[in-house]
Amino acid sequence: MSLSLLAAESRQARPWKNGGGLTWTLASAPEGADLDHLDWRLSLALVERAGPFSRFAGLDRLTLVLDGELELEVDGRPVILDEASAAAAFAGEAMVAARAPAAPVADINLLVRRGAFAGVLERRRFETRAAIVGQDITFVMSRLGGVEAALAGQRLALGPGDALRVDHARGGLLRLVLAEPDELIIAHVNAVRA
């Protein structure tokens, strides 16, 4: 089991695969793989105008809005996401387009290779303490910071927008102490077992 910090200030903005916006990768595998050969990727994005989402053949996508309201059309059906919505799930090949938002919308996206990996992406509000059961790979992002994380004798502190990555902790208990009530973004990536 290992904990590592994914500091907010270390993220680099890159253009979307289709050039229509900006994204910041928190983590991906295999490391250094191009966008057409990912096993999985967790990233932040900013949607500032109307236009299509990038397409990812063979991957499944989960999208969760962090700030704002996002109106999408997914394969011809309307999907509206906001700061209270659960993550929307759709195939990476789906035809997805955003309508022009009233203000820039921040979202977080988890892509997983279909058939090889399964993903979970959710938001959960905690008051002062939290316990999260680890999976193959678990990520926790703090909106406000002031979070102390502990797992198997290891400790990390998260500032605003920081995330932590937990590897090989399936069934392990990640304990969090919060300085103030916070909404935590939690993602799990698990290898599909036969």
Protein backbone atom coordinates (compact mmCIF):
# COMPACT_ATOMS: atom_id res chain seq x y z
CA MET A 1 0.00 0.00 0.00
CA SER A 2 1.31 3.45 -0.82
CA LEU A 3 0.10 7.04 -0.56
CA SER A 4 1.29 9.81 -2.86
CA LEU A 5 0.37 13.48 -3.15
CA LEU A 6 -0.88 14.95 -6.44
CA ALA A 7 -0.33 18.64 -5.71
CA ALA A 8 -2.64 21.14 -7.45
CA GLU A 9 0.28 23.44 -8.33
CA SER A 10 2.13 20.69 -10.22
CA ARG A 11 -0.59 20.20 -12.86
CA GLN A 12 0.13 21.31 -16.41
CA ALA A 13 -2.64 22.57 -18.73
CA ARG A 14 -2.82 20.77 -22.08
CA PRO A 15 -5.25 21.06 -24.97
CA TRP A 16 -8.06 18.56 -25.25
CA LYS A 17 -7.49 15.72 -27.68
CA ASN A 18 -9.73 17.61 -30.16
CA GLY A 19 -8.24 21.02 -29.27
CA GLY A 20 -11.58 22.39 -28.02
CA GLY A 21 -10.55 23.21 -24.45
CA LEU A 22 -8.01 22.66 -21.69
CA THR A 23 -7.38 19.66 -19.44
CA TRP A 24 -5.12 18.93 -16.48
CA THR A 25 -4.16 15.28 -15.95
CA LEU A 26 -3.99 14.14 -12.33
CA ALA A 27 -2.80 10.62 -13.19
CA SER A 28 -2.88 8.13 -16.06
CA ALA A 29 -1.65 4.69 -17.04
CA PRO A 30 0.45 3.58 -18.61
CA GLU A 31 2.52 6.61 -17.69
CA GLY A 32 3.45 8.60 -20.77
CA ALA A 33 0.96 6.80 -23.04
CA ASP A 34 -0.62 8.90 -25.76
CA LEU A 35 -4.36 9.54 -25.58
CA ASP A 36 -5.17 6.67 -27.95
CA HIS A 37 -3.39 4.06 -25.82
CA LEU A 38 -4.59 4.79 -22.27
CA ASP A 39 -5.62 2.13 -19.78
CA TRP A 40 -7.14 4.87 -17.63
CA ARG A 41 -6.86 8.61 -16.93
CA LEU A 42 -8.18 10.96 -14.24
CA SER A 43 -8.25 14.61 -15.33
CA LEU A 44 -9.78 18.00 -14.72
CA ALA A 45 -11.23 20.05 -17.58
CA LEU A 46 -12.63 23.50 -18.15
CA VAL A 47 -15.59 23.90 -20.52
CA GLU A 48 -15.81 27.51 -21.64
CA ARG A 49 -17.79 27.35 -24.88
CA ALA A 50 -20.09 25.17 -26.94
CA GLY A 51 -18.53 22.32 -28.86
CA PRO A 52 -17.84 18.61 -29.06
CA PHE A 53 -16.06 16.56 -26.42
CA SER A 54 -13.04 14.53 -27.47
CA ARG A 55 -13.78 10.94 -28.43
CA PHE A 56 -11.89 7.99 -26.92
CA ALA A 57 -12.36 4.65 -28.68
CA GLY A 58 -12.54 1.65 -26.35
CA LEU A 59 -12.78 3.73 -23.16
CA ASP A 60 -15.68 4.44 -20.84
CA ARG A 61 -16.02 7.95 -19.38
CA LEU A 62 -17.39 9.27 -16.11
CA THR A 63 -17.86 13.06 -15.88
CA LEU A 64 -18.63 14.95 -12.67
CA VAL A 65 -19.19 18.73 -12.57
CA LEU A 66 -17.26 20.55 -9.86
CA ASP A 67 -18.38 24.13 -10.50
CA GLY A 68 -21.24 25.42 -12.66
CA GLU A 69 -23.85 23.75 -14.84
CA LEU A 70 -23.09 21.78 -17.97
CA GLU A 71 -25.68 21.01 -20.63
CA LEU A 72 -24.62 18.12 -22.82
CA GLU A 73 -26.09 16.23 -25.70
CA VAL A 74 -24.95 12.59 -25.57
CA ASP A 75 -25.79 10.60 -28.69
CA GLY A 76 -28.77 12.90 -29.24
CA ARG A 77 -30.18 12.87 -25.70
CA PRO A 78 -29.92 15.82 -23.29
CA VAL A 79 -27.90 15.44 -20.09
CA ILE A 80 -27.69 18.28 -17.54
CA LEU A 81 -24.98 18.15 -14.88
CA ASP A 82 -24.39 20.54 -12.01
CA GLU A 83 -22.60 20.71 -8.65
CA ALA A 84 -25.15 18.36 -7.05
CA SER A 85 -25.37 15.77 -9.86
CA ALA A 86 -23.96 12.28 -9.78
CA ALA A 87 -21.35 11.50 -12.40
CA ALA A 88 -22.64 10.91 -15.93
CA ALA A 89 -21.41 7.70 -17.56
CA PHE A 90 -21.04 7.24 -21.30
CA ALA A 91 -18.90 5.48 -23.87
CA GLY A 92 -15.78 7.29 -25.02
CA GLU A 93 -16.97 6.87 -28.61
CA ALA A 94 -20.28 8.61 -27.88
CA MET A 95 -21.06 11.81 -29.75
CA VAL A 96 -20.98 14.33 -26.89
CA ALA A 97 -21.37 18.08 -27.33
CA ALA A 98 -21.66 20.85 -24.77
CA ARG A 99 -23.98 23.80 -25.10
CA ALA A 100 -22.43 27.20 -24.37
CA PRO A 101 -22.27 27.55 -20.56
CA ALA A 102 -23.24 30.81 -18.86
CA ALA A 103 -19.82 30.75 -17.15
CA PRO A 104 -16.82 28.40 -17.40
CA VAL A 105 -17.61 24.94 -15.99
CA ALA A 106 -14.99 22.87 -14.16
CA ASP A 107 -15.39 19.11 -14.30
CA ILE A 108 -13.45 15.98 -13.49
CA ASN A 109 -13.29 13.01 -15.84
CA LEU A 110 -12.33 9.38 -15.34
CA LEU A 111 -11.60 7.31 -18.44
CA VAL A 112 -11.11 3.54 -18.16
CA ARG A 113 -10.30 0.93 -20.82
CA ARG A 114 -13.53 -1.02 -21.37
CA GLY A 115 -13.27 -4.68 -20.38
CA ALA A 116 -9.93 -4.22 -18.60
CA PHE A 117 -10.76 -1.64 -15.91
CA ALA A 118 -13.82 -0.40 -14.05
CA GLY A 119 -14.16 3.07 -12.60
CA VAL A 120 -16.14 4.89 -9.92
CA LEU A 121 -16.31 8.69 -9.63
CA GLU A 122 -18.34 10.36 -6.90
CA ARG A 123 -18.59 13.35 -4.60
CA ARG A 124 -19.18 12.90 -0.89
CA ARG A 125 -19.57 15.49 1.82
CA PHE A 126 -17.85 14.85 5.14
CA GLU A 127 -17.93 16.85 8.36
CA THR A 128 -14.72 16.14 10.29
CA ARG A 129 -13.78 12.50 9.71
CA ALA A 130 -14.02 10.03 6.88
CA ALA A 131 -13.07 6.43 6.23
CA ILE A 132 -12.78 5.20 2.67
CA VAL A 133 -12.17 1.59 1.69
CA GLY A 134 -9.29 1.48 -0.80
CA GLN A 135 -9.47 -0.26 -4.14
CA ASP A 136 -6.75 -1.18 -6.66
CA ILE A 137 -6.16 2.56 -7.13
CA THR A 138 -8.06 5.19 -5.16
CA PHE A 139 -7.95 8.96 -5.55
CA VAL A 140 -9.32 11.56 -3.13
CA MET A 141 -9.39 15.26 -4.04
CA SER A 142 -10.10 17.94 -1.44
CA ARG A 143 -11.95 21.08 -2.51
CA LEU A 144 -10.97 23.16 0.57
CA GLY A 145 -7.77 21.55 1.86
CA GLY A 146 -6.91 21.01 5.50
CA VAL A 147 -7.27 17.23 5.15
CA GLU A 148 -4.94 14.79 6.90
CA ALA A 149 -4.85 11.31 5.38
CA ALA A 150 -3.51 8.16 7.05
CA LEU A 151 -3.13 4.62 5.74
CA ALA A 152 -1.03 1.79 7.19
CA GLY A 153 1.29 4.15 9.08
CA GLN A 154 1.71 6.61 6.19
CA ARG A 155 0.42 10.19 6.46
CA LEU A 156 -0.21 13.01 3.97
CA ALA A 157 -1.69 16.51 4.19
CA LEU A 158 -3.87 17.89 1.38
CA GLY A 159 -4.21 21.58 0.55
CA PRO A 160 -6.98 23.14 -1.57
CA GLY A 161 -7.39 21.24 -4.85
CA ASP A 162 -4.74 18.66 -3.92
CA ALA A 163 -5.44 14.99 -4.48
CA LEU A 164 -3.96 11.86 -3.05
CA ARG A 165 -3.37 8.59 -4.79
CA VAL A 166 -3.53 5.28 -2.98
CA ASP A 167 -2.09 2.22 -4.73
CA HIS A 168 -2.57 -1.46 -3.84
CA ALA A 169 -4.95 -0.74 -0.96
CA ARG A 170 -7.85 -3.01 -1.87
CA GLY A 171 -9.79 -3.42 1.35
CA GLY A 172 -7.43 -1.12 3.27
CA LEU A 173 -9.01 1.68 5.28
CA LEU A 174 -7.96 5.20 4.35
CA ARG A 175 -8.67 7.50 7.30
CA LEU A 176 -9.19 11.23 6.77
CA VAL A 177 -9.40 14.04 9.30
CA LEU A 178 -10.88 17.29 7.96
CA ALA A 179 -10.18 20.75 9.38
CA GLU A 180 -13.67 21.80 8.24
CA PRO A 181 -16.60 20.21 6.42
CA ASP A 182 -15.59 19.54 2.83
CA GLU A 183 -16.80 17.92 -0.35
CA LEU A 184 -14.33 15.25 -1.36
CA ILE A 185 -14.11 13.86 -4.88
CA ILE A 186 -13.41 10.11 -4.79
CA ALA A 187 -12.36 7.97 -7.74
CA HIS A 188 -11.56 4.27 -7.86
CA VAL A 189 -9.91 2.35 -10.68
CA ASN A 190 -10.05 -1.44 -10.49
CA ALA A 191 -8.69 -4.06 -12.83
CA VAL A 192 -11.48 -6.27 -14.14
CA ARG A 193 -10.97 -9.74 -12.69
CA ALA A 194 -12.17 -12.82 -14.53
